[in-house]
C-alpha atoms as a PDB file:
ATOM      1  CA  MET A   1      25.257  -8.927 -31.098  1.00  0.00           C
ATOM      2  CA  ASN A   2      23.880 -10.774 -34.152  1.00  0.00           C
ATOM      3  CA  LEU A   3      22.394  -9.093 -37.183  1.00  0.00           C
ATOM      4  CA  ILE A   4      18.772  -9.497 -36.033  1.00  0.00           C
ATOM      5  CA  ASP A   5      19.554  -8.019 -32.593  1.00  0.00           C
ATOM      6  CA  GLY A   6      21.390  -5.165 -34.219  1.00  0.00           C
ATOM      7  CA  TYR A   7      18.505  -4.223 -36.475  1.00  0.00           C
ATOM      8  CA  GLN A   8      15.980  -4.689 -33.704  1.00  0.00           C
ATOM      9  CA  GLN A   9      17.349  -1.611 -31.947  1.00  0.00           C
ATOM     10  CA  LYS A  10      16.137   0.800 -34.634  1.00  0.00           C
ATOM     11  CA  LEU A  11      13.281  -1.199 -36.147  1.00  0.00           C
ATOM     12  CA  PHE A  12      11.464  -2.114 -32.943  1.00  0.00           C
ATOM     13  CA  PRO A  13       9.626   1.221 -32.465  1.00  0.00           C
ATOM     14  CA  TYR A  14       8.201   1.026 -36.003  1.00  0.00           C
ATOM     15  CA  ALA A  15       6.785  -2.436 -35.486  1.00  0.00           C
ATOM     16  CA  TYR A  16       5.704  -1.999 -31.844  1.00  0.00           C
ATOM     17  CA  ASN A  17       3.914   1.297 -32.389  1.00  0.00           C
ATOM     18  CA  ILE A  18       1.781  -0.291 -35.104  1.00  0.00           C
ATOM     19  CA  LEU A  19       1.198  -3.633 -33.353  1.00  0.00           C
ATOM     20  CA  GLY A  20       1.137  -2.839 -29.650  1.00  0.00           C
ATOM     21  CA  SER A  21       2.762  -6.216 -28.973  1.00  0.00           C
ATOM     22  CA  VAL A  22       6.402  -6.913 -28.156  1.00  0.00           C
ATOM     23  CA  ASP A  23       6.388 -10.536 -29.343  1.00  0.00           C
ATOM     24  CA  ASP A  24       4.597  -9.655 -32.584  1.00  0.00           C
ATOM     25  CA  ALA A  25       7.062  -6.813 -33.196  1.00  0.00           C
ATOM     26  CA  LYS A  26      10.056  -9.070 -32.631  1.00  0.00           C
ATOM     27  CA  ASP A  27       8.566 -11.750 -34.906  1.00  0.00           C
ATOM     28  CA  VAL A  28       8.003  -9.218 -37.712  1.00  0.00           C
ATOM     29  CA  ILE A  29      11.536  -7.860 -37.414  1.00  0.00           C
ATOM     30  CA  GLN A  30      13.052 -11.339 -37.402  1.00  0.00           C
ATOM     31  CA  GLU A  31      11.062 -12.378 -40.454  1.00  0.00           C
ATOM     32  CA  VAL A  32      11.979  -9.223 -42.357  1.00  0.00           C
ATOM     33  CA  VAL A  33      15.687  -9.453 -41.514  1.00  0.00           C
ATOM     34  CA  ILE A  34      15.880 -13.137 -42.476  1.00  0.00           C
ATOM     35  CA  LYS A  35      14.257 -12.347 -45.834  1.00  0.00           C
ATOM     36  CA  TYR A  36      16.621  -9.422 -46.243  1.00  0.00           C
ATOM     37  CA  MET A  37      19.640 -11.602 -45.604  1.00  0.00           C
ATOM     38  CA  ALA A  38      18.499 -13.879 -48.381  1.00  0.00           C
ATOM     39  CA  VAL A  39      18.576 -11.002 -50.881  1.00  0.00           C
ATOM     40  CA  ALA A  40      21.464  -9.076 -49.364  1.00  0.00           C
ATOM     41  CA  GLY A  41      23.651  -9.706 -52.376  1.00  0.00           C
ATOM     42  CA  LYS A  42      21.272  -7.788 -54.665  1.00  0.00           C
ATOM     43  CA  GLU A  43      21.550  -4.060 -55.242  1.00  0.00           C
ATOM     44  CA  ILE A  44      19.673  -2.174 -52.521  1.00  0.00           C
ATOM     45  CA  ASP A  45      20.266   1.606 -52.533  1.00  0.00           C
ATOM     46  CA  ASN A  46      18.950   2.385 -49.030  1.00  0.00           C
ATOM     47  CA  GLU A  47      19.357  -0.598 -46.695  1.00  0.00           C
ATOM     48  CA  PHE A  48      17.615   0.949 -43.682  1.00  0.00           C
ATOM     49  CA  GLY A  49      14.834   2.412 -45.841  1.00  0.00           C
ATOM     50  CA  TYR A  50      14.260  -1.027 -47.310  1.00  0.00           C
ATOM     51  CA  LEU A  51      14.028  -2.593 -43.866  1.00  0.00           C
ATOM     52  CA  VAL A  52      11.697   0.066 -42.513  1.00  0.00           C
ATOM     53  CA  ARG A  53       9.398  -0.292 -45.517  1.00  0.00           C
ATOM     54  CA  SER A  54       9.306  -4.050 -45.054  1.00  0.00           C
ATOM     55  CA  VAL A  55       8.728  -3.856 -41.295  1.00  0.00           C
ATOM     56  CA  VAL A  56       5.930  -1.257 -41.600  1.00  0.00           C
ATOM     57  CA  ASN A  57       4.064  -3.159 -44.277  1.00  0.00           C
ATOM     58  CA  GLN A  58       4.462  -6.517 -42.550  1.00  0.00           C
ATOM     59  CA  SER A  59       3.256  -4.959 -39.306  1.00  0.00           C
ATOM     60  CA  ILE A  60       0.185  -3.602 -41.092  1.00  0.00           C
ATOM     61  CA  ASN A  61      -0.570  -7.081 -42.422  1.00  0.00           C
ATOM     62  CA  VAL A  62      -0.196  -8.707 -38.996  1.00  0.00           C
ATOM     63  CA  LYS A  63      -2.367  -6.042 -37.379  1.00  0.00           C
ATOM     64  CA  LYS A  64      -5.061  -6.720 -39.977  1.00  0.00           C
ATOM     65  CA  ARG A  65      -4.886 -10.464 -39.323  1.00  0.00           C
ATOM     66  CA  ASN A  66      -5.090  -9.989 -35.590  1.00  0.00           C
ATOM     67  CA  ALA A  67      -8.242  -7.877 -36.150  1.00  0.00           C
ATOM     68  CA  ARG A  68      -8.068  -6.417 -32.638  1.00  0.00           C
ATOM     69  CA  THR A  69     -10.773  -3.840 -31.976  1.00  0.00           C
ATOM     70  CA  LEU A  70     -12.206  -2.106 -28.911  1.00  0.00           C
ATOM     71  CA  THR A  71     -15.667  -3.433 -29.574  1.00  0.00           C
ATOM     72  CA  GLY A  72     -15.109  -6.833 -28.040  1.00  0.00           C
ATOM     73  CA  ALA A  73     -13.180  -7.785 -24.928  1.00  0.00           C
ATOM     74  CA  MET A  74     -10.898  -5.106 -23.557  1.00  0.00           C
ATOM     75  CA  TRP A  75      -7.555  -5.217 -25.309  1.00  0.00           C
ATOM     76  CA  LEU A  76      -4.778  -2.980 -24.016  1.00  0.00           C
ATOM     77  CA  PRO A  77      -1.380  -2.616 -25.661  1.00  0.00           C
ATOM     78  CA  GLU A  78       1.577  -4.423 -24.163  1.00  0.00           C
ATOM     79  CA  PRO A  79       3.480  -2.036 -21.882  1.00  0.00           C
ATOM     80  CA  VAL A  80       7.119  -1.125 -22.628  1.00  0.00           C
ATOM     81  CA  ASP A  81       9.651   0.048 -20.050  1.00  0.00           C
ATOM     82  CA  THR A  82      10.848   3.489 -21.164  1.00  0.00           C
ATOM     83  CA  GLN A  83      12.656   4.322 -17.935  1.00  0.00           C
ATOM     84  CA  ARG A  84      15.781   2.283 -18.667  1.00  0.00           C
ATOM     85  CA  ALA A  85      18.456   3.784 -20.865  1.00  0.00           C
ATOM     86  CA  ASP A  86      20.939   0.900 -20.746  1.00  0.00           C
ATOM     87  CA  THR A  87      19.303  -1.190 -23.442  1.00  0.00           C
ATOM     88  CA  ASN A  88      19.587  -1.610 -27.180  1.00  0.00           C
ATOM     89  CA  ILE A  89      16.068  -0.426 -27.968  1.00  0.00           C
ATOM     90  CA  GLU A  90      15.323   3.109 -29.232  1.00  0.00           C
ATOM     91  CA  ARG A  91      12.819   3.893 -26.460  1.00  0.00           C
ATOM     92  CA  ARG A  92      12.517   7.585 -27.242  1.00  0.00           C
ATOM     93  CA  GLU A  93      10.444   6.722 -30.326  1.00  0.00           C
ATOM     94  CA  ILE A  94       8.012   4.548 -28.410  1.00  0.00           C
ATOM     95  CA  ILE A  95       4.594   6.207 -28.398  1.00  0.00           C
ATOM     96  CA  SER A  96       2.921   7.143 -25.109  1.00  0.00           C
ATOM     97  CA  TYR A  97       0.624   4.529 -23.629  1.00  0.00           C
ATOM     98  CA  SER A  98      -2.484   6.692 -23.824  1.00  0.00           C
ATOM     99  CA  MET A  99      -1.888   7.293 -27.478  1.00  0.00           C
ATOM    100  CA  MET A 100      -1.324   3.604 -28.082  1.00  0.00           C
ATOM    101  CA  VAL A 101      -4.743   2.941 -26.645  1.00  0.00           C
ATOM    102  CA  LEU A 102      -6.345   5.616 -28.779  1.00  0.00           C
ATOM    103  CA  LEU A 103      -4.677   4.341 -31.928  1.00  0.00           C
ATOM    104  CA  GLU A 104      -6.765   1.147 -31.609  1.00  0.00           C
ATOM    105  CA  HIS A 105      -9.629   3.259 -33.000  1.00  0.00           C
ATOM    106  CA  LEU A 106      -7.856   3.556 -36.338  1.00  0.00           C
ATOM    107  CA  ASN A 107      -7.433   0.984 -39.086  1.00  0.00           C
ATOM    108  CA  PRO A 108      -3.896  -0.320 -39.535  1.00  0.00           C
ATOM    109  CA  LYS A 109      -3.009   1.847 -42.528  1.00  0.00           C
ATOM    110  CA  GLU A 110      -4.327   5.017 -40.915  1.00  0.00           C
ATOM    111  CA  ARG A 111      -2.366   4.091 -37.787  1.00  0.00           C
ATOM    112  CA  ALA A 112       0.833   3.548 -39.769  1.00  0.00           C
ATOM    113  CA  VAL A 113       0.551   6.946 -41.515  1.00  0.00           C
ATOM    114  CA  PHE A 114      -0.180   8.731 -38.232  1.00  0.00           C
ATOM    115  CA  ILE A 115       2.846   7.017 -36.565  1.00  0.00           C
ATOM    116  CA  LEU A 116       5.239   7.742 -39.393  1.00  0.00           C
ATOM    117  CA  LYS A 117       4.203  11.390 -39.425  1.00  0.00           C
ATOM    118  CA  GLU A 118       3.908  12.092 -35.696  1.00  0.00           C
ATOM    119  CA  ALA A 119       6.505   9.762 -34.132  1.00  0.00           C
ATOM    120  CA  PHE A 120       9.139   9.689 -36.861  1.00  0.00           C
ATOM    121  CA  ASP A 121       8.466  13.064 -38.631  1.00  0.00           C
ATOM    122  CA  TYR A 122       8.255  11.520 -42.072  1.00  0.00           C
ATOM    123  CA  SER A 123       7.160  13.706 -44.944  1.00  0.00           C
ATOM    124  CA  HIS A 124       4.127  12.691 -47.048  1.00  0.00           C
ATOM    125  CA  GLU A 125       6.520  11.896 -49.862  1.00  0.00           C
ATOM    126  CA  ASP A 126       8.458   9.488 -47.581  1.00  0.00           C
ATOM    127  CA  ILE A 127       5.231   7.939 -46.204  1.00  0.00           C
ATOM    128  CA  ALA A 128       3.954   7.405 -49.731  1.00  0.00           C
ATOM    129  CA  ALA A 129       7.197   5.620 -50.639  1.00  0.00           C
ATOM    130  CA  VAL A 130       7.052   3.381 -47.559  1.00  0.00           C
ATOM    131  CA  LEU A 131       3.426   2.354 -48.113  1.00  0.00           C
ATOM    132  CA  SER A 132       3.387   2.420 -51.935  1.00  0.00           C
ATOM    133  CA  ILE A 133       0.608   4.978 -52.052  1.00  0.00           C
ATOM    134  CA  THR A 134       0.287   8.462 -53.527  1.00  0.00           C
ATOM    135  CA  VAL A 135       1.129  11.598 -51.593  1.00  0.00           C
ATOM    136  CA  GLU A 136      -2.517  12.664 -51.817  1.00  0.00           C
ATOM    137  CA  ASN A 137      -3.587   9.329 -50.323  1.00  0.00           C
ATOM    138  CA  SER A 138      -1.106   9.778 -47.499  1.00  0.00           C
ATOM    139  CA  ARG A 139      -2.589  13.201 -46.712  1.00  0.00           C
ATOM    140  CA  LYS A 140      -6.109  11.796 -46.731  1.00  0.00           C
ATOM    141  CA  LEU A 141      -5.170   8.895 -44.422  1.00  0.00           C
ATOM    142  CA  LEU A 142      -3.518  11.314 -41.974  1.00  0.00           C
ATOM    143  CA  SER A 143      -6.586  13.559 -42.056  1.00  0.00           C
ATOM    144  CA  ARG A 144      -8.856  10.568 -41.316  1.00  0.00           C
ATOM    145  CA  ALA A 145      -6.558   9.427 -38.525  1.00  0.00           C
ATOM    146  CA  ARG A 146      -6.482  12.877 -36.888  1.00  0.00           C
ATOM    147  CA  SER A 147     -10.235  13.154 -37.288  1.00  0.00           C
ATOM    148  CA  GLY A 148     -10.688   9.760 -35.588  1.00  0.00           C
ATOM    149  CA  LEU A 149      -8.545  10.963 -32.692  1.00  0.00           C
ATOM    150  CA  LYS A 150      -9.646  14.583 -32.417  1.00  0.00           C
ATOM    151  CA  ASN A 151     -12.001  14.064 -29.508  1.00  0.00           C
ATOM    152  CA  ASN A 152      -9.388  12.145 -27.539  1.00  0.00           C
ATOM    153  CA  ASN A 153      -6.128  13.759 -28.585  1.00  0.00           C
ATOM    154  CA  ASN A 154      -5.061  15.630 -25.472  1.00  0.00           C
ATOM    155  CA  PRO A 155      -1.420  14.722 -24.865  1.00  0.00           C
ATOM    156  CA  PRO A 156      -0.907  12.737 -21.623  1.00  0.00           C
ATOM    157  CA  ARG A 157       1.189  14.123 -18.807  1.00  0.00           C
ATOM    158  CA  LEU A 158       4.520  12.349 -19.093  1.00  0.00           C
ATOM    159  CA  ALA A 159       6.357  11.003 -16.077  1.00  0.00           C
ATOM    160  CA  THR A 160       8.452  13.483 -14.078  1.00  0.00           C
ATOM    161  CA  ASP A 161      10.023  13.590 -10.644  1.00  0.00           C
ATOM    162  CA  LEU A 162       6.831  15.191  -9.327  1.00  0.00           C
ATOM    163  CA  THR A 163       4.642  12.240 -10.413  1.00  0.00           C
ATOM    164  CA  SER A 164       6.436   9.942  -8.011  1.00  0.00           C
ATOM    165  CA  SER A 165       5.210  11.934  -4.979  1.00  0.00           C
ATOM    166  CA  TYR A 166       1.799  12.208  -6.631  1.00  0.00           C
ATOM    167  CA  LEU A 167       1.462   8.435  -6.953  1.00  0.00           C
ATOM    168  CA  LEU A 168       2.850   7.750  -3.470  1.00  0.00           C
ATOM    169  CA  GLU A 169       0.117  10.062  -2.105  1.00  0.00           C
ATOM    170  CA  TYR A 170      -2.456   8.249  -4.265  1.00  0.00           C
ATOM    171  CA  VAL A 171      -1.421   4.868  -2.915  1.00  0.00           C
ATOM    172  CA  GLU A 172      -1.507   6.101   0.665  1.00  0.00           C
ATOM    173  CA  PHE A 173      -5.094   7.356   0.222  1.00  0.00           C
ATOM    174  CA  ILE A 174      -6.073   3.902  -1.017  1.00  0.00           C
ATOM    175  CA  LYS A 175      -4.295   2.129   1.806  1.00  0.00           C
ATOM    176  CA  ASN A 176      -5.902   4.347   4.449  1.00  0.00           C
ATOM    177  CA  GLY A 177      -9.317   4.174   2.899  1.00  0.00           C
ATOM    178  CA  ASP A 178      -9.310   7.999   2.622  1.00  0.00           C
ATOM    179  CA  THR A 179     -12.225   8.143   0.214  1.00  0.00           C
ATOM    180  CA  GLY A 180     -12.519  11.934   0.065  1.00  0.00           C
ATOM    181  CA  SER A 181      -8.881  12.590  -0.666  1.00  0.00           C
ATOM    182  CA  LEU A 182      -8.822   9.783  -3.245  1.00  0.00           C
ATOM    183  CA  GLU A 183     -11.891  11.155  -5.040  1.00  0.00           C
ATOM    184  CA  ARG A 184     -10.267  14.594  -5.274  1.00  0.00           C
ATOM    185  CA  LYS A 185      -7.403  13.028  -7.261  1.00  0.00           C
ATOM    186  CA  LEU A 186      -9.792  11.673  -9.887  1.00  0.00           C
ATOM    187  CA  SER A 187     -11.144  13.511 -12.896  1.00  0.00           C
ATOM    188  CA  GLU A 188     -14.904  13.686 -13.185  1.00  0.00           C
ATOM    189  CA  GLU A 189     -14.795  11.440 -16.258  1.00  0.00           C
ATOM    190  CA  VAL A 190     -12.119   9.091 -14.864  1.00  0.00           C
ATOM    191  CA  SER A 191     -12.035   5.586 -16.311  1.00  0.00           C
ATOM    192  CA  PHE A 192     -10.358   2.357 -15.161  1.00  0.00           C
ATOM    193  CA  MET A 193      -9.642  -0.175 -17.920  1.00  0.00           C
ATOM    194  CA  ALA A 194      -8.455  -3.669 -17.192  1.00  0.00           C
ATOM    195  CA  ASP A 195      -7.067  -6.388 -19.491  1.00  0.00           C
ATOM    196  CA  GLY A 196      -6.629  -9.906 -18.130  1.00  0.00           C
ATOM    197  CA  GLY A 197      -6.180 -11.486 -21.562  1.00  0.00           C
ATOM    198  CA  GLY A 198      -8.775 -14.094 -20.665  1.00  0.00           C
ATOM    199  CA  LYS A 199      -6.186 -15.734 -18.395  1.00  0.00           C
ATOM    200  CA  VAL A 200      -6.606 -13.714 -15.223  1.00  0.00           C
ATOM    201  CA  LYS A 201      -9.996 -12.969 -13.731  1.00  0.00           C
ATOM    202  CA  ILE A 202     -10.707  -9.254 -13.498  1.00  0.00           C
ATOM    203  CA  VAL A 203     -13.473  -7.486 -11.593  1.00  0.00           C
ATOM    204  CA  ARG A 204     -14.588  -5.377 -14.518  1.00  0.00           C
ATOM    205  CA  GLU A 205     -13.159  -4.478 -17.894  1.00  0.00           C
ATOM    206  CA  LEU A 206     -14.292  -0.851 -17.843  1.00  0.00           C
ATOM    207  CA  THR A 207     -15.324   1.330 -14.859  1.00  0.00           C
ATOM    208  CA  VAL A 208     -16.233   5.004 -15.388  1.00  0.00           C
ATOM    209  CA  GLY A 209     -16.956   7.798 -12.940  1.00  0.00           C
ATOM    210  CA  VAL A 210     -15.433   9.053  -9.644  1.00  0.00           C
ATOM    211  CA  GLN A 211     -17.570   6.988  -7.269  1.00  0.00           C
ATOM    212  CA  PRO A 212     -17.411   3.688  -9.178  1.00  0.00           C
ATOM    213  CA  VAL A 213     -13.674   3.956  -9.723  1.00  0.00           C
ATOM    214  CA  THR A 214     -13.108   4.910  -6.094  1.00  0.00           C
ATOM    215  CA  ASP A 215     -15.093   1.926  -4.919  1.00  0.00           C
ATOM    216  CA  LEU A 216     -13.145  -0.350  -7.310  1.00  0.00           C
ATOM    217  CA  LEU A 217      -9.749   0.944  -6.177  1.00  0.00           C
ATOM    218  CA  LEU A 218     -10.593   0.356  -2.545  1.00  0.00           C
ATOM    219  CA  TYR A 219     -11.984  -3.083  -3.307  1.00  0.00           C
ATOM    220  CA  LEU A 220      -8.913  -4.126  -5.264  1.00  0.00           C
ATOM    221  CA  TYR A 221      -6.641  -3.063  -2.434  1.00  0.00           C
ATOM    222  CA  GLN A 222      -8.649  -4.718   0.290  1.00  0.00           C
ATOM    223  CA  THR A 223      -9.137  -7.935  -1.661  1.00  0.00           C
ATOM    224  CA  TYR A 224      -5.783  -8.321  -3.427  1.00  0.00           C
ATOM    225  CA  GLN A 225      -3.215  -5.596  -3.275  1.00  0.00           C
ATOM    226  CA  HIS A 226      -2.880  -5.290   0.504  1.00  0.00           C
ATOM    227  CA  SER A 227      -0.409  -8.144   0.333  1.00  0.00           C
ATOM    228  CA  PHE A 228       1.434  -6.813  -2.717  1.00  0.00           C
ATOM    229  CA  THR A 229       4.543  -4.703  -2.906  1.00  0.00           C
ATOM    230  CA  PHE A 230       4.759  -1.922  -5.484  1.00  0.00           C
ATOM    231  CA  LYS A 231       7.192   0.395  -7.157  1.00  0.00           C
ATOM    232  CA  ILE A 232       6.772   3.521  -9.265  1.00  0.00           C
ATOM    233  CA  HIS A 233       8.051   3.269 -12.795  1.00  0.00           C
ATOM    234  CA  THR A 234       7.811   4.846 -16.269  1.00  0.00           C
ATOM    235  CA  ILE A 235       5.897   2.906 -18.910  1.00  0.00           C
ATOM    236  CA  ASN A 236       5.619   4.230 -22.461  1.00  0.00           C
ATOM    237  CA  HIS A 237       6.800   7.607 -21.025  1.00  0.00           C
ATOM    238  CA  GLN A 238       3.921   7.770 -18.533  1.00  0.00           C
ATOM    239  CA  PRO A 239       3.822   7.250 -14.767  1.00  0.00           C
ATOM    240  CA  ALA A 240       2.969   3.744 -13.684  1.00  0.00           C
ATOM    241  CA  LEU A 241       2.661   1.476 -10.682  1.00  0.00           C
ATOM    242  CA  LEU A 242       4.067  -2.041 -10.794  1.00  0.00           C
ATOM    243  CA  TYR A 243       2.540  -4.465  -8.330  1.00  0.00           C
ATOM    244  CA  TYR A 244       4.399  -7.588  -7.180  1.00  0.00           C
ATOM    245  CA  LYS A 245       3.264 -10.689  -5.328  1.00  0.00           C
ATOM    246  CA  ASP A 246       6.082 -12.960  -4.029  1.00  0.00           C
ATOM    247  CA  ASN A 247       8.529 -10.952  -6.201  1.00  0.00           C
ATOM    248  CA  ALA A 248       6.544 -11.714  -9.373  1.00  0.00           C
ATOM    249  CA  LEU A 249       5.100  -8.870 -11.404  1.00  0.00           C
ATOM    250  CA  THR A 250       1.302  -9.318 -11.415  1.00  0.00           C
ATOM    251  CA  ASN A 251      -0.090  -5.929 -12.430  1.00  0.00           C
ATOM    252  CA  CYS A 252       1.060  -2.879 -14.352  1.00  0.00           C
ATOM    253  CA  GLN A 253      -1.068   0.238 -13.983  1.00  0.00           C
ATOM    254  CA  VAL A 254      -0.344   3.149 -16.301  1.00  0.00           C
ATOM    255  CA  PHE A 255      -1.746   6.569 -15.452  1.00  0.00           C
ATOM    256  CA  ASP A 256      -3.034   9.374 -17.668  1.00  0.00           C
ATOM    257  CA  ILE A 257      -2.899  12.487 -15.488  1.00  0.00           C
ATOM    258  CA  GLU A 258      -4.367  15.752 -16.748  1.00  0.00           C
ATOM    259  CA  ASP A 259      -4.419  19.065 -14.825  1.00  0.00           C
ATOM    260  CA  GLY A 260      -3.515  17.287 -11.614  1.00  0.00           C
ATOM    261  CA  LYS A 261      -6.307  14.723 -11.921  1.00  0.00           C
ATOM    262  CA  ILE A 262      -6.189  11.101 -12.918  1.00  0.00           C
ATOM    263  CA  LYS A 263      -8.119  10.794 -16.163  1.00  0.00           C
ATOM    264  CA  ASN A 264      -7.426   7.164 -17.046  1.00  0.00           C
ATOM    265  CA  VAL A 265      -5.953   4.146 -15.377  1.00  0.00           C
ATOM    266  CA  TYR A 266      -4.841   1.303 -17.640  1.00  0.00           C
ATOM    267  CA  SER A 267      -4.470  -1.912 -15.701  1.00  0.00           C
ATOM    268  CA  ILE A 268      -2.652  -4.807 -17.365  1.00  0.00           C
ATOM    269  CA  VAL A 269      -2.769  -8.135 -15.522  1.00  0.00           C
ATOM    270  CA  ASP A 270      -2.435 -10.438 -18.562  1.00  0.00           C
ATOM    271  CA  PRO A 271       0.721 -12.414 -17.785  1.00  0.00           C
ATOM    272  CA  ASP A 272       1.627 -12.671 -21.504  1.00  0.00           C
ATOM    273  CA  LYS A 273       1.794  -8.862 -21.613  1.00  0.00           C
ATOM    274  CA  LEU A 274       3.928  -8.555 -18.470  1.00  0.00           C
ATOM    275  CA  LYS A 275       6.521 -11.212 -19.277  1.00  0.00           C
ATOM    276  CA  ASN A 276       8.615  -9.014 -21.625  1.00  0.00           C
ATOM    277  CA  LEU A 277       8.609  -5.863 -19.540  1.00  0.00           C
ATOM    278  CA  PHE A 278      12.136  -6.272 -18.220  1.00  0.00           C
ATOM    279  CA  ASN A 279      13.332  -8.919 -20.654  1.00  0.00           C
ATOM    280  CA  PHE A 280      14.538  -6.837 -23.561  1.00  0.00           C
END
C-alpha cells in the first residue's frame, strides 16, 4: 500500500461527505497528500490533523467550484457501498444517503461544519481550528445548517435483515402488477428521484405522490426492468436494489423507509456514478 492509499482509508469520509463524489474525493486526497509529501520535512505537530484540515478546506473549495444545487437538473450523490467490511475505507463514517441528499441544501461551509459535528463528533473548538474561523462562527454555521435541515431531518431507517424481505416483497408486487399492495407500501408523500447525469435518458427527474410513483414503478418494470436481474444491497447504510443488465450494473435505487412505508426512492442510472461502486 503506497502513502496515498494509506491515507485514503481515513481521509476519504471527510472528502466524500462534503463532495458527494468518489472521484472528486480521491482527487482531493491525492492532491493534499502530494503537497504534504513536499513539505513533510518541516515541523508538523499533528500530521493527521494537518491532513484533515487540508482535505476539508480543499473539499469546500471544490464543492464551491462545482456549484451543484437542487434548483437545476436533478443531482444525486454518488452511492457508496457500505455493506462490505473487507476494504481499506472507513465506511462507518460515511453519511446516510438520505442525509447526503439533504445536505445539498446547505452551502459548502455549513455542510462541512454539520459533517464535522454530526459525523465526526468534533467540538466547536476543533471545527474552528480546521476551518480557520471563530468558535462563535462555528456555532452560527451549525445553527444555520440545522435550521436548513429541520423540516427534513428525520433519520432514515438503516438497512437490517428485515429490510431484505421487505424489498423482496416490494419487487414481487411490481412484477405481479399488484397495484393495491404496492400502493400500501408507499408513504402518502412518497417521491421518486432519478439522476441520469445527462448520459442516460430518464422518464422523469422527480415524481411525487402514491399514484404517480406507482404508475412509474410499473412502467419502468414493464418497459425496462423485466429483463434485468437484481440484488439487495446496503448503500450509504440504507437498503438498496441494484439492477443488472447482461451482468452490468445499470441502476442503483436507494430507499428511505419510515414507519414501514417507502418515503423516498433515489434512482441513480448515471454510469459515471455507478462505475466506482465496487471498485474501491
